[in-house]
Amino acid sequence: MTNVTPLDRGTLDRHPLPRIGSGDKDDRGSILIIAGSRDVSGAALLCATSAMRAGAGRLQIATVGSIAPHLGMAMPEAMVVGHVEDGNGGFAAEATAPLVERAGKADAIVAGPGLYGNDGCAELTAGLLKLGKPLALDAALLRILPKREKDAKRAAHPPILLPHSGELAALLECDEDEVERDPLAAGRACAERFDAVTLVKGVQSHVVAPDGAAFLYHGGGPGLGVSGSGDTLAGIVGGLLARGADPLTALLWGVWGHGEAGRRLGEKVGTLGYLAREIPGEIPGLLEAS
């Protein structure tokens, strides 16, 4: 299969977002963001802000205990719960069960931004995949997914995977050069292996469904290649999942919205030099105009 569909407004019209009912926060779904570590607290904030800007109704952040009070002050819209951490500032092994229990009460989950990779990540990922909830995985939780391939394939909803080329190589257990030579083929291999909706990030980004259907977005400009940009994308996708979008629809709209936000900021601020924290502010207008 070589056909690739352009990711444009025509494609999005064929994958509409769920309608919003009364506007009550419960109608727009609840999201749990599992993110952050002692040294990378900002990832949780960027992801959570983006989820709310994409329209999620209720927000919880689960993070390590040392940064939870600071995130609570920075994100007053959220319920922030701190969990026990290890000596490196990541989640301790005993945090896994409480995290999975909390995730089971949310409508959608984003897990991984800013997490410190450790031995507990594999058990956390397995527990989340078994919940039967819409789930987007990023960063540290992607690299251990080959150990949980069967859990991914058995998930009630296809998980959304958000790797950059290095993480995609880890998912496929191959060299990064192979991914960069043929990103579409790598995306299709990953989507098939894990039965997952997969993003292949790049100047041109590919979205690949488990059945091999592929979509190409030409990118919102070089300014999106900035620290924290991926965390905002994960949050946008999660917010759309919370609203009830299916995984493919959430990722298509998330990639397009993230890219168009970058394009708008490029026009207003400059092609380079805008910050990841500015991306979420563009999302409501883009979605409303759509």
C-alpha atoms as a PDB file:
ATOM      1  CA  MET A   1       0.000   0.000   0.000  1.00  0.00           C
ATOM      2  CA  THR A   2       1.554   3.306  -1.111  1.00  0.00           C
ATOM      3  CA  ASN A   3      -1.403   5.712  -1.168  1.00  0.00           C
ATOM      4  CA  VAL A   4      -1.127   8.620   1.228  1.00  0.00           C
ATOM      5  CA  THR A   5      -3.994  11.032   1.903  1.00  0.00           C
ATOM      6  CA  PRO A   6      -3.167  14.721   2.411  1.00  0.00           C
ATOM      7  CA  LEU A   7      -4.004  15.889   5.925  1.00  0.00           C
ATOM      8  CA  ASP A   8      -6.012  18.975   5.038  1.00  0.00           C
ATOM      9  CA  ARG A   9      -9.445  20.425   5.740  1.00  0.00           C
ATOM     10  CA  GLY A  10     -11.096  18.072   3.284  1.00  0.00           C
ATOM     11  CA  THR A  11      -9.724  15.089   5.169  1.00  0.00           C
ATOM     12  CA  LEU A  12     -10.740  16.551   8.515  1.00  0.00           C
ATOM     13  CA  ASP A  13     -14.266  17.100   7.251  1.00  0.00           C
ATOM     14  CA  ARG A  14     -14.444  13.344   6.723  1.00  0.00           C
ATOM     15  CA  HIS A  15     -13.308  12.815  10.322  1.00  0.00           C
ATOM     16  CA  PRO A  16     -15.438  15.324  12.254  1.00  0.00           C
ATOM     17  CA  LEU A  17     -14.963  16.007  15.937  1.00  0.00           C
ATOM     18  CA  PRO A  18     -17.817  15.121  18.307  1.00  0.00           C
ATOM     19  CA  ARG A  19     -20.387  17.840  18.796  1.00  0.00           C
ATOM     20  CA  ILE A  20     -20.424  19.656  22.104  1.00  0.00           C
ATOM     21  CA  GLY A  21     -23.768  19.420  23.900  1.00  0.00           C
ATOM     22  CA  SER A  22     -24.783  21.767  26.690  1.00  0.00           C
ATOM     23  CA  GLY A  23     -21.230  22.893  27.285  1.00  0.00           C
ATOM     24  CA  ASP A  24     -21.139  21.372  30.783  1.00  0.00           C
ATOM     25  CA  LYS A  25     -17.652  20.232  31.753  1.00  0.00           C
ATOM     26  CA  ASP A  26     -18.870  16.661  32.139  1.00  0.00           C
ATOM     27  CA  ASP A  27     -20.063  16.672  28.518  1.00  0.00           C
ATOM     28  CA  ARG A  28     -16.529  17.450  27.397  1.00  0.00           C
ATOM     29  CA  GLY A  29     -14.913  14.586  29.289  1.00  0.00           C
ATOM     30  CA  SER A  30     -12.224  14.157  31.878  1.00  0.00           C
ATOM     31  CA  ILE A  31      -8.535  13.704  31.168  1.00  0.00           C
ATOM     32  CA  LEU A  32      -5.669  12.469  33.303  1.00  0.00           C
ATOM     33  CA  ILE A  33      -2.187  13.675  32.398  1.00  0.00           C
ATOM     34  CA  ILE A  34       0.562  11.424  33.804  1.00  0.00           C
ATOM     35  CA  ALA A  35       3.624  13.539  33.264  1.00  0.00           C
ATOM     36  CA  GLY A  36       6.622  15.323  34.665  1.00  0.00           C
ATOM     37  CA  SER A  37       9.614  14.492  36.816  1.00  0.00           C
ATOM     38  CA  ARG A  38      11.689  16.439  39.296  1.00  0.00           C
ATOM     39  CA  ASP A  39      13.857  17.961  36.562  1.00  0.00           C
ATOM     40  CA  VAL A  40      11.198  18.273  33.831  1.00  0.00           C
ATOM     41  CA  SER A  41       8.118  19.688  35.493  1.00  0.00           C
ATOM     42  CA  GLY A  42       7.238  21.973  32.587  1.00  0.00           C
ATOM     43  CA  ALA A  43       6.271  19.076  30.325  1.00  0.00           C
ATOM     44  CA  ALA A  44       3.247  18.339  32.519  1.00  0.00           C
ATOM     45  CA  LEU A  45       2.180  21.988  32.476  1.00  0.00           C
ATOM     46  CA  LEU A  46       2.479  22.319  28.694  1.00  0.00           C
ATOM     47  CA  CYS A  47       0.578  19.090  28.110  1.00  0.00           C
ATOM     48  CA  ALA A  48      -2.180  19.945  30.578  1.00  0.00           C
ATOM     49  CA  THR A  49      -2.660  23.470  29.244  1.00  0.00           C
ATOM     50  CA  SER A  50      -2.951  22.123  25.710  1.00  0.00           C
ATOM     51  CA  ALA A  51      -5.544  19.544  26.736  1.00  0.00           C
ATOM     52  CA  MET A  52      -7.740  22.259  28.200  1.00  0.00           C
ATOM     53  CA  ARG A  53      -7.261  24.485  25.145  1.00  0.00           C
ATOM     54  CA  ALA A  54      -8.415  21.581  22.982  1.00  0.00           C
ATOM     55  CA  GLY A  55     -11.652  21.477  24.936  1.00  0.00           C
ATOM     56  CA  ALA A  56     -11.335  18.871  27.700  1.00  0.00           C
ATOM     57  CA  GLY A  57     -13.825  19.535  30.495  1.00  0.00           C
ATOM     58  CA  ARG A  58     -12.108  18.245  33.628  1.00  0.00           C
ATOM     59  CA  LEU A  59      -8.376  17.938  34.205  1.00  0.00           C
ATOM     60  CA  GLN A  60      -6.222  15.954  36.589  1.00  0.00           C
ATOM     61  CA  ILE A  61      -2.435  15.832  36.612  1.00  0.00           C
ATOM     62  CA  ALA A  62      -0.600  12.929  38.242  1.00  0.00           C
ATOM     63  CA  THR A  63       3.050  13.722  38.796  1.00  0.00           C
ATOM     64  CA  VAL A  64       5.876  13.173  41.277  1.00  0.00           C
ATOM     65  CA  GLY A  65       5.437  14.559  44.754  1.00  0.00           C
ATOM     66  CA  SER A  66       8.236  17.127  44.714  1.00  0.00           C
ATOM     67  CA  ILE A  67       6.712  19.183  41.897  1.00  0.00           C
ATOM     68  CA  ALA A  68       2.997  18.664  42.565  1.00  0.00           C
ATOM     69  CA  PRO A  69       2.488  21.822  44.703  1.00  0.00           C
ATOM     70  CA  HIS A  70       4.209  23.978  42.094  1.00  0.00           C
ATOM     71  CA  LEU A  71       2.099  22.546  39.275  1.00  0.00           C
ATOM     72  CA  GLY A  72      -1.023  23.113  41.338  1.00  0.00           C
ATOM     73  CA  MET A  73      -0.180  26.800  41.604  1.00  0.00           C
ATOM     74  CA  ALA A  74       0.747  27.091  37.949  1.00  0.00           C
ATOM     75  CA  MET A  75      -2.380  25.248  36.756  1.00  0.00           C
ATOM     76  CA  PRO A  76      -5.250  26.220  39.066  1.00  0.00           C
ATOM     77  CA  GLU A  77      -7.745  24.590  36.695  1.00  0.00           C
ATOM     78  CA  ALA A  78      -6.341  21.149  37.536  1.00  0.00           C
ATOM     79  CA  MET A  79      -6.517  18.702  40.391  1.00  0.00           C
ATOM     80  CA  VAL A  80      -2.850  17.847  40.863  1.00  0.00           C
ATOM     81  CA  VAL A  81      -1.916  14.683  42.728  1.00  0.00           C
ATOM     82  CA  GLY A  82       1.655  13.951  43.760  1.00  0.00           C
ATOM     83  CA  HIS A  83       2.942  10.385  43.881  1.00  0.00           C
ATOM     84  CA  VAL A  84       5.972   8.856  45.554  1.00  0.00           C
ATOM     85  CA  GLU A  85       9.178   9.298  43.582  1.00  0.00           C
ATOM     86  CA  ASP A  86      12.496   7.514  43.402  1.00  0.00           C
ATOM     87  CA  GLY A  87      15.955   8.949  43.926  1.00  0.00           C
ATOM     88  CA  ASN A  88      16.182  10.154  40.335  1.00  0.00           C
ATOM     89  CA  GLY A  89      12.996  12.191  40.537  1.00  0.00           C
ATOM     90  CA  GLY A  90      10.787   9.786  38.579  1.00  0.00           C
ATOM     91  CA  PHE A  91       7.866   7.707  39.763  1.00  0.00           C
ATOM     92  CA  ALA A  92       8.825   5.037  42.272  1.00  0.00           C
ATOM     93  CA  ALA A  93       7.648   1.470  41.604  1.00  0.00           C
ATOM     94  CA  GLU A  94       5.026   1.733  44.355  1.00  0.00           C
ATOM     95  CA  ALA A  95       3.369   4.611  42.500  1.00  0.00           C
ATOM     96  CA  THR A  96       2.255   2.325  39.650  1.00  0.00           C
ATOM     97  CA  ALA A  97      -0.877   0.876  41.257  1.00  0.00           C
ATOM     98  CA  PRO A  98      -2.264   4.251  42.446  1.00  0.00           C
ATOM     99  CA  LEU A  99      -1.564   5.785  39.035  1.00  0.00           C
ATOM    100  CA  VAL A 100      -3.408   3.022  37.200  1.00  0.00           C
ATOM    101  CA  GLU A 101      -6.309   3.203  39.653  1.00  0.00           C
ATOM    102  CA  ARG A 102      -6.646   6.949  39.097  1.00  0.00           C
ATOM    103  CA  ALA A 103      -6.396   6.514  35.331  1.00  0.00           C
ATOM    104  CA  GLY A 104      -9.284   4.080  35.420  1.00  0.00           C
ATOM    105  CA  LYS A 105     -11.619   6.898  36.494  1.00  0.00           C
ATOM    106  CA  ALA A 106     -10.734   9.227  33.589  1.00  0.00           C
ATOM    107  CA  ASP A 107     -12.311   9.339  30.144  1.00  0.00           C
ATOM    108  CA  ALA A 108      -8.926   9.678  28.440  1.00  0.00           C
ATOM    109  CA  ILE A 109      -5.271   9.471  29.430  1.00  0.00           C
ATOM    110  CA  VAL A 110      -2.043  11.010  28.207  1.00  0.00           C
ATOM    111  CA  ALA A 111       1.040   9.404  29.731  1.00  0.00           C
ATOM    112  CA  GLY A 112       4.725  10.002  29.237  1.00  0.00           C
ATOM    113  CA  PRO A 113       5.633  13.678  28.717  1.00  0.00           C
ATOM    114  CA  GLY A 114       8.597  14.547  30.890  1.00  0.00           C
ATOM    115  CA  LEU A 115       8.638  11.196  32.717  1.00  0.00           C
ATOM    116  CA  TYR A 116      11.938   9.816  33.926  1.00  0.00           C
ATOM    117  CA  GLY A 117      12.462   6.412  32.348  1.00  0.00           C
ATOM    118  CA  ASN A 118      12.961   3.653  34.901  1.00  0.00           C
ATOM    119  CA  ASP A 119      12.015   0.048  35.628  1.00  0.00           C
ATOM    120  CA  GLY A 120       8.489   1.033  36.654  1.00  0.00           C
ATOM    121  CA  CYS A 121       7.601   2.384  33.214  1.00  0.00           C
ATOM    122  CA  ALA A 122       6.902  -1.064  31.750  1.00  0.00           C
ATOM    123  CA  GLU A 123       4.421  -1.977  34.476  1.00  0.00           C
ATOM    124  CA  LEU A 124       2.773   1.430  34.286  1.00  0.00           C
ATOM    125  CA  THR A 125       2.322   1.118  30.519  1.00  0.00           C
ATOM    126  CA  ALA A 126       0.918  -2.390  30.831  1.00  0.00           C
ATOM    127  CA  GLY A 127      -1.549  -1.282  33.482  1.00  0.00           C
ATOM    128  CA  LEU A 128      -2.762   1.650  31.398  1.00  0.00           C
ATOM    129  CA  LEU A 129      -3.198  -0.452  28.271  1.00  0.00           C
ATOM    130  CA  LYS A 130      -5.376  -2.922  30.155  1.00  0.00           C
ATOM    131  CA  LEU A 131      -7.850  -0.256  31.334  1.00  0.00           C
ATOM    132  CA  GLY A 132      -9.813  -0.090  28.097  1.00  0.00           C
ATOM    133  CA  LYS A 133      -9.532   3.717  28.016  1.00  0.00           C
ATOM    134  CA  PRO A 134      -8.485   5.993  25.137  1.00  0.00           C
ATOM    135  CA  LEU A 135      -4.752   6.442  25.669  1.00  0.00           C
ATOM    136  CA  ALA A 136      -1.918   8.474  24.139  1.00  0.00           C
ATOM    137  CA  LEU A 137       1.641   7.430  24.961  1.00  0.00           C
ATOM    138  CA  ASP A 138       4.700   9.638  24.632  1.00  0.00           C
ATOM    139  CA  ALA A 139       8.396   9.876  25.490  1.00  0.00           C
ATOM    140  CA  ALA A 140       9.713   7.395  28.099  1.00  0.00           C
ATOM    141  CA  LEU A 141       6.690   5.110  27.874  1.00  0.00           C
ATOM    142  CA  LEU A 142       7.275   4.555  24.161  1.00  0.00           C
ATOM    143  CA  ARG A 143      10.756   3.116  24.540  1.00  0.00           C
ATOM    144  CA  ILE A 144       9.620   0.203  26.678  1.00  0.00           C
ATOM    145  CA  LEU A 145       6.548  -0.667  24.575  1.00  0.00           C
ATOM    146  CA  PRO A 146       8.302  -3.549  22.752  1.00  0.00           C
ATOM    147  CA  LYS A 147       8.217  -5.345  26.117  1.00  0.00           C
ATOM    148  CA  ARG A 148       4.425  -4.844  26.187  1.00  0.00           C
ATOM    149  CA  GLU A 149       3.555  -5.539  22.568  1.00  0.00           C
ATOM    150  CA  LYS A 150       0.814  -8.051  23.442  1.00  0.00           C
ATOM    151  CA  ASP A 151      -0.822  -5.598  25.862  1.00  0.00           C
ATOM    152  CA  ALA A 152      -0.912  -2.951  23.137  1.00  0.00           C
ATOM    153  CA  LYS A 153      -2.493  -5.309  20.610  1.00  0.00           C
ATOM    154  CA  ARG A 154      -5.133  -6.385  23.137  1.00  0.00           C
ATOM    155  CA  ALA A 155      -6.128  -2.839  24.118  1.00  0.00           C
ATOM    156  CA  ALA A 156      -9.830  -2.022  23.740  1.00  0.00           C
ATOM    157  CA  HIS A 157      -8.936   1.210  21.929  1.00  0.00           C
ATOM    158  CA  PRO A 158      -5.901   1.442  19.634  1.00  0.00           C
ATOM    159  CA  PRO A 159      -3.314   3.413  21.604  1.00  0.00           C
ATOM    160  CA  ILE A 160      -1.952   6.595  20.075  1.00  0.00           C
ATOM    161  CA  LEU A 161       1.840   6.637  19.802  1.00  0.00           C
ATOM    162  CA  LEU A 162       3.678   9.943  19.443  1.00  0.00           C
ATOM    163  CA  PRO A 163       7.336   9.122  18.732  1.00  0.00           C
ATOM    164  CA  HIS A 164      10.117  11.183  17.236  1.00  0.00           C
ATOM    165  CA  SER A 165      12.523   9.278  14.992  1.00  0.00           C
ATOM    166  CA  GLY A 166      14.707   8.021  17.834  1.00  0.00           C
ATOM    167  CA  GLU A 167      11.717   6.733  19.773  1.00  0.00           C
ATOM    168  CA  LEU A 168      10.259   5.169  16.638  1.00  0.00           C
ATOM    169  CA  ALA A 169      13.538   3.339  16.108  1.00  0.00           C
ATOM    170  CA  ALA A 170      13.310   2.050  19.682  1.00  0.00           C
ATOM    171  CA  LEU A 171       9.741   0.880  19.050  1.00  0.00           C
ATOM    172  CA  LEU A 172      10.857  -1.025  15.957  1.00  0.00           C
ATOM    173  CA  GLU A 173      14.175  -2.106  17.493  1.00  0.00           C
ATOM    174  CA  CYS A 174      16.063  -0.797  14.488  1.00  0.00           C
ATOM    175  CA  ASP A 175      18.573   1.945  13.687  1.00  0.00           C
ATOM    176  CA  GLU A 176      17.328   5.516  13.534  1.00  0.00           C
ATOM    177  CA  ASP A 177      18.781   5.790  10.025  1.00  0.00           C
ATOM    178  CA  GLU A 178      16.237   3.226   8.829  1.00  0.00           C
ATOM    179  CA  VAL A 179      13.394   5.356  10.141  1.00  0.00           C
ATOM    180  CA  GLU A 180      14.746   8.510   8.534  1.00  0.00           C
ATOM    181  CA  ARG A 181      15.264   6.788   5.173  1.00  0.00           C
ATOM    182  CA  ASP A 182      11.619   5.733   4.934  1.00  0.00           C
ATOM    183  CA  PRO A 183       9.476   7.292   7.669  1.00  0.00           C
ATOM    184  CA  LEU A 184       6.207   6.142   6.105  1.00  0.00           C
ATOM    185  CA  ALA A 185       7.310   2.514   6.030  1.00  0.00           C
ATOM    186  CA  ALA A 186       8.486   2.827   9.629  1.00  0.00           C
ATOM    187  CA  GLY A 187       5.158   4.306  10.663  1.00  0.00           C
ATOM    188  CA  ARG A 188       3.247   1.504   8.984  1.00  0.00           C
ATOM    189  CA  ALA A 189       5.453  -1.132  10.598  1.00  0.00           C
ATOM    190  CA  CYS A 190       4.893   0.424  14.009  1.00  0.00           C
ATOM    191  CA  ALA A 191       1.130   0.781  13.549  1.00  0.00           C
ATOM    192  CA  GLU A 192       0.864  -2.866  12.511  1.00  0.00           C
ATOM    193  CA  ARG A 193       3.185  -4.199  15.222  1.00  0.00           C
ATOM    194  CA  PHE A 194       1.335  -2.519  18.087  1.00  0.00           C
ATOM    195  CA  ASP A 195      -2.109  -2.178  16.490  1.00  0.00           C
ATOM    196  CA  ALA A 196      -1.723   1.533  17.216  1.00  0.00           C
ATOM    197  CA  VAL A 197      -2.490   4.872  15.600  1.00  0.00           C
ATOM    198  CA  THR A 198       1.027   6.149  15.027  1.00  0.00           C
ATOM    199  CA  LEU A 199       2.505   9.563  14.371  1.00  0.00           C
ATOM    200  CA  VAL A 200       5.834   9.877  12.595  1.00  0.00           C
ATOM    201  CA  LYS A 201       7.072  13.347  13.481  1.00  0.00           C
ATOM    202  CA  GLY A 202       9.132  15.370  11.052  1.00  0.00           C
ATOM    203  CA  VAL A 203       9.163  18.373   8.742  1.00  0.00           C
ATOM    204  CA  GLN A 204       6.458  16.376   7.021  1.00  0.00           C
ATOM    205  CA  SER A 205       4.482  14.333   9.546  1.00  0.00           C
ATOM    206  CA  HIS A 206       2.757  11.046   8.798  1.00  0.00           C
ATOM    207  CA  VAL A 207      -0.243   9.654  10.660  1.00  0.00           C
ATOM    208  CA  VAL A 208      -0.725   5.924  10.170  1.00  0.00           C
ATOM    209  CA  ALA A 209      -3.718   3.824  11.233  1.00  0.00           C
ATOM    210  CA  PRO A 210      -3.453   0.159  12.243  1.00  0.00           C
ATOM    211  CA  ASP A 211      -4.888  -0.893   8.861  1.00  0.00           C
ATOM    212  CA  GLY A 212      -2.044   0.919   7.077  1.00  0.00           C
ATOM    213  CA  ALA A 213      -4.068   3.954   5.960  1.00  0.00           C
ATOM    214  CA  ALA A 214      -1.689   6.911   5.959  1.00  0.00           C
ATOM    215  CA  PHE A 215      -2.042  10.693   6.021  1.00  0.00           C
ATOM    216  CA  LEU A 216       0.581  13.357   5.328  1.00  0.00           C
ATOM    217  CA  TYR A 217       0.758  16.817   6.901  1.00  0.00           C
ATOM    218  CA  HIS A 218       3.317  19.128   5.358  1.00  0.00           C
ATOM    219  CA  GLY A 219       4.119  20.901   8.606  1.00  0.00           C
ATOM    220  CA  GLY A 220       3.566  24.205  10.296  1.00  0.00           C
ATOM    221  CA  GLY A 221       7.086  25.525   9.845  1.00  0.00           C
ATOM    222  CA  PRO A 222      10.506  25.169  11.498  1.00  0.00           C
ATOM    223  CA  GLY A 223       9.413  27.074  14.596  1.00  0.00           C
ATOM    224  CA  LEU A 224       7.619  23.969  15.869  1.00  0.00           C
ATOM    225  CA  GLY A 225      10.980  22.256  16.325  1.00  0.00           C
ATOM    226  CA  VAL A 226      11.376  23.782  19.772  1.00  0.00           C
ATOM    227  CA  SER A 227      11.649  22.374  23.276  1.00  0.00           C
ATOM    228  CA  GLY A 228       8.234  21.487  24.677  1.00  0.00           C
ATOM    229  CA  SER A 229       6.440  21.432  21.329  1.00  0.00           C
ATOM    230  CA  GLY A 230       5.830  17.697  21.523  1.00  0.00           C
ATOM    231  CA  ASP A 231       4.298  18.064  24.978  1.00  0.00           C
ATOM    232  CA  THR A 232       1.753  20.517  23.599  1.00  0.00           C
ATOM    233  CA  LEU A 233       0.879  18.118  20.779  1.00  0.00           C
ATOM    234  CA  ALA A 234       0.303  15.287  23.259  1.00  0.00           C
ATOM    235  CA  GLY A 235      -2.028  17.506  25.265  1.00  0.00           C
ATOM    236  CA  ILE A 236      -4.042  18.606  22.233  1.00  0.00           C
ATOM    237  CA  VAL A 237      -4.545  14.987  21.205  1.00  0.00           C
ATOM    238  CA  GLY A 238      -5.535  14.048  24.751  1.00  0.00           C
ATOM    239  CA  GLY A 239      -8.037  16.862  25.001  1.00  0.00           C
ATOM    240  CA  LEU A 240      -9.726  15.682  21.819  1.00  0.00           C
ATOM    241  CA  LEU A 241      -9.820  12.112  23.140  1.00  0.00           C
ATOM    242  CA  ALA A 242     -11.499  13.383  26.302  1.00  0.00           C
ATOM    243  CA  ARG A 243     -14.153  15.062  24.161  1.00  0.00           C
ATOM    244  CA  GLY A 244     -14.984  11.678  22.655  1.00  0.00           C
ATOM    245  CA  ALA A 245     -13.006  11.675  19.411  1.00  0.00           C
ATOM    246  CA  ASP A 246     -11.845   8.246  18.263  1.00  0.00           C
ATOM    247  CA  PRO A 247      -8.045   7.760  18.267  1.00  0.00           C
ATOM    248  CA  LEU A 248      -7.498   8.382  14.547  1.00  0.00           C
ATOM    249  CA  THR A 249      -9.704  11.474  14.511  1.00  0.00           C
ATOM    250  CA  ALA A 250      -7.995  12.852  17.624  1.00  0.00           C
ATOM    251  CA  LEU A 251      -4.545  12.411  16.114  1.00  0.00           C
ATOM    252  CA  LEU A 252      -5.479  13.849  12.719  1.00  0.00           C
ATOM    253  CA  TRP A 253      -6.990  16.966  14.269  1.00  0.00           C
ATOM    254  CA  GLY A 254      -4.184  17.191  16.822  1.00  0.00           C
ATOM    255  CA  VAL A 255      -1.435  17.124  14.214  1.00  0.00           C
ATOM    256  CA  TRP A 256      -3.268  19.606  11.998  1.00  0.00           C
ATOM    257  CA  GLY A 257      -4.109  21.957  14.880  1.00  0.00           C
ATOM    258  CA  HIS A 258      -0.570  21.848  16.259  1.00  0.00           C
ATOM    259  CA  GLY A 259       0.870  22.547  12.822  1.00  0.00           C
ATOM    260  CA  GLU A 260      -1.551  25.348  12.016  1.00  0.00           C
ATOM    261  CA  ALA A 261      -0.845  26.926  15.406  1.00  0.00           C
ATOM    262  CA  GLY A 262       2.822  26.956  14.439  1.00  0.00           C
ATOM    263  CA  ARG A 263       1.982  28.524  11.086  1.00  0.00           C
ATOM    264  CA  ARG A 264      -0.067  31.278  12.738  1.00  0.00           C
ATOM    265  CA  LEU A 265       2.650  32.007  15.274  1.00  0.00           C
ATOM    266  CA  GLY A 266       5.169  32.115  12.463  1.00  0.00           C
ATOM    267  CA  GLU A 267       3.133  34.877  10.851  1.00  0.00           C
ATOM    268  CA  LYS A 268       2.591  36.832  14.078  1.00  0.00           C
ATOM    269  CA  VAL A 269       5.846  36.344  15.954  1.00  0.00           C
ATOM    270  CA  GLY A 270       8.354  35.125  13.411  1.00  0.00           C
ATOM    271  CA  THR A 271       9.306  31.896  11.737  1.00  0.00           C
ATOM    272  CA  LEU A 272      11.670  31.135  14.615  1.00  0.00           C
ATOM    273  CA  GLY A 273      11.681  32.251  18.208  1.00  0.00           C
ATOM    274  CA  TYR A 274       8.184  31.619  19.513  1.00  0.00           C
ATOM    275  CA  LEU A 275       7.823  29.406  22.564  1.00  0.00           C
ATOM    276  CA  ALA A 276       6.013  26.119  23.040  1.00  0.00           C
ATOM    277  CA  ARG A 277       3.882  27.760  25.732  1.00  0.00           C
ATOM    278  CA  GLU A 278       2.417  30.019  23.027  1.00  0.00           C
ATOM    279  CA  ILE A 279       1.110  27.124  20.921  1.00  0.00           C
ATOM    280  CA  PRO A 280      -1.915  26.184  23.085  1.00  0.00           C
ATOM    281  CA  GLY A 281      -3.388  29.694  22.874  1.00  0.00           C
ATOM    282  CA  GLU A 282      -3.922  29.276  19.133  1.00  0.00           C
ATOM    283  CA  ILE A 283      -5.881  26.028  19.426  1.00  0.00           C
ATOM    284  CA  PRO A 284      -9.365  27.246  20.491  1.00  0.00           C
ATOM    285  CA  GLY A 285      -9.620  29.637  17.552  1.00  0.00           C
ATOM    286  CA  LEU A 286      -8.476  26.978  15.096  1.00  0.00           C
ATOM    287  CA  LEU A 287     -10.976  24.428  16.344  1.00  0.00           C
ATOM    288  CA  GLU A 288     -13.815  26.937  16.566  1.00  0.00           C
ATOM    289  CA  ALA A 289     -13.144  28.152  13.046  1.00  0.00           C
ATOM    290  CA  SER A 290     -13.314  24.557  11.883  1.00  0.00           C
END
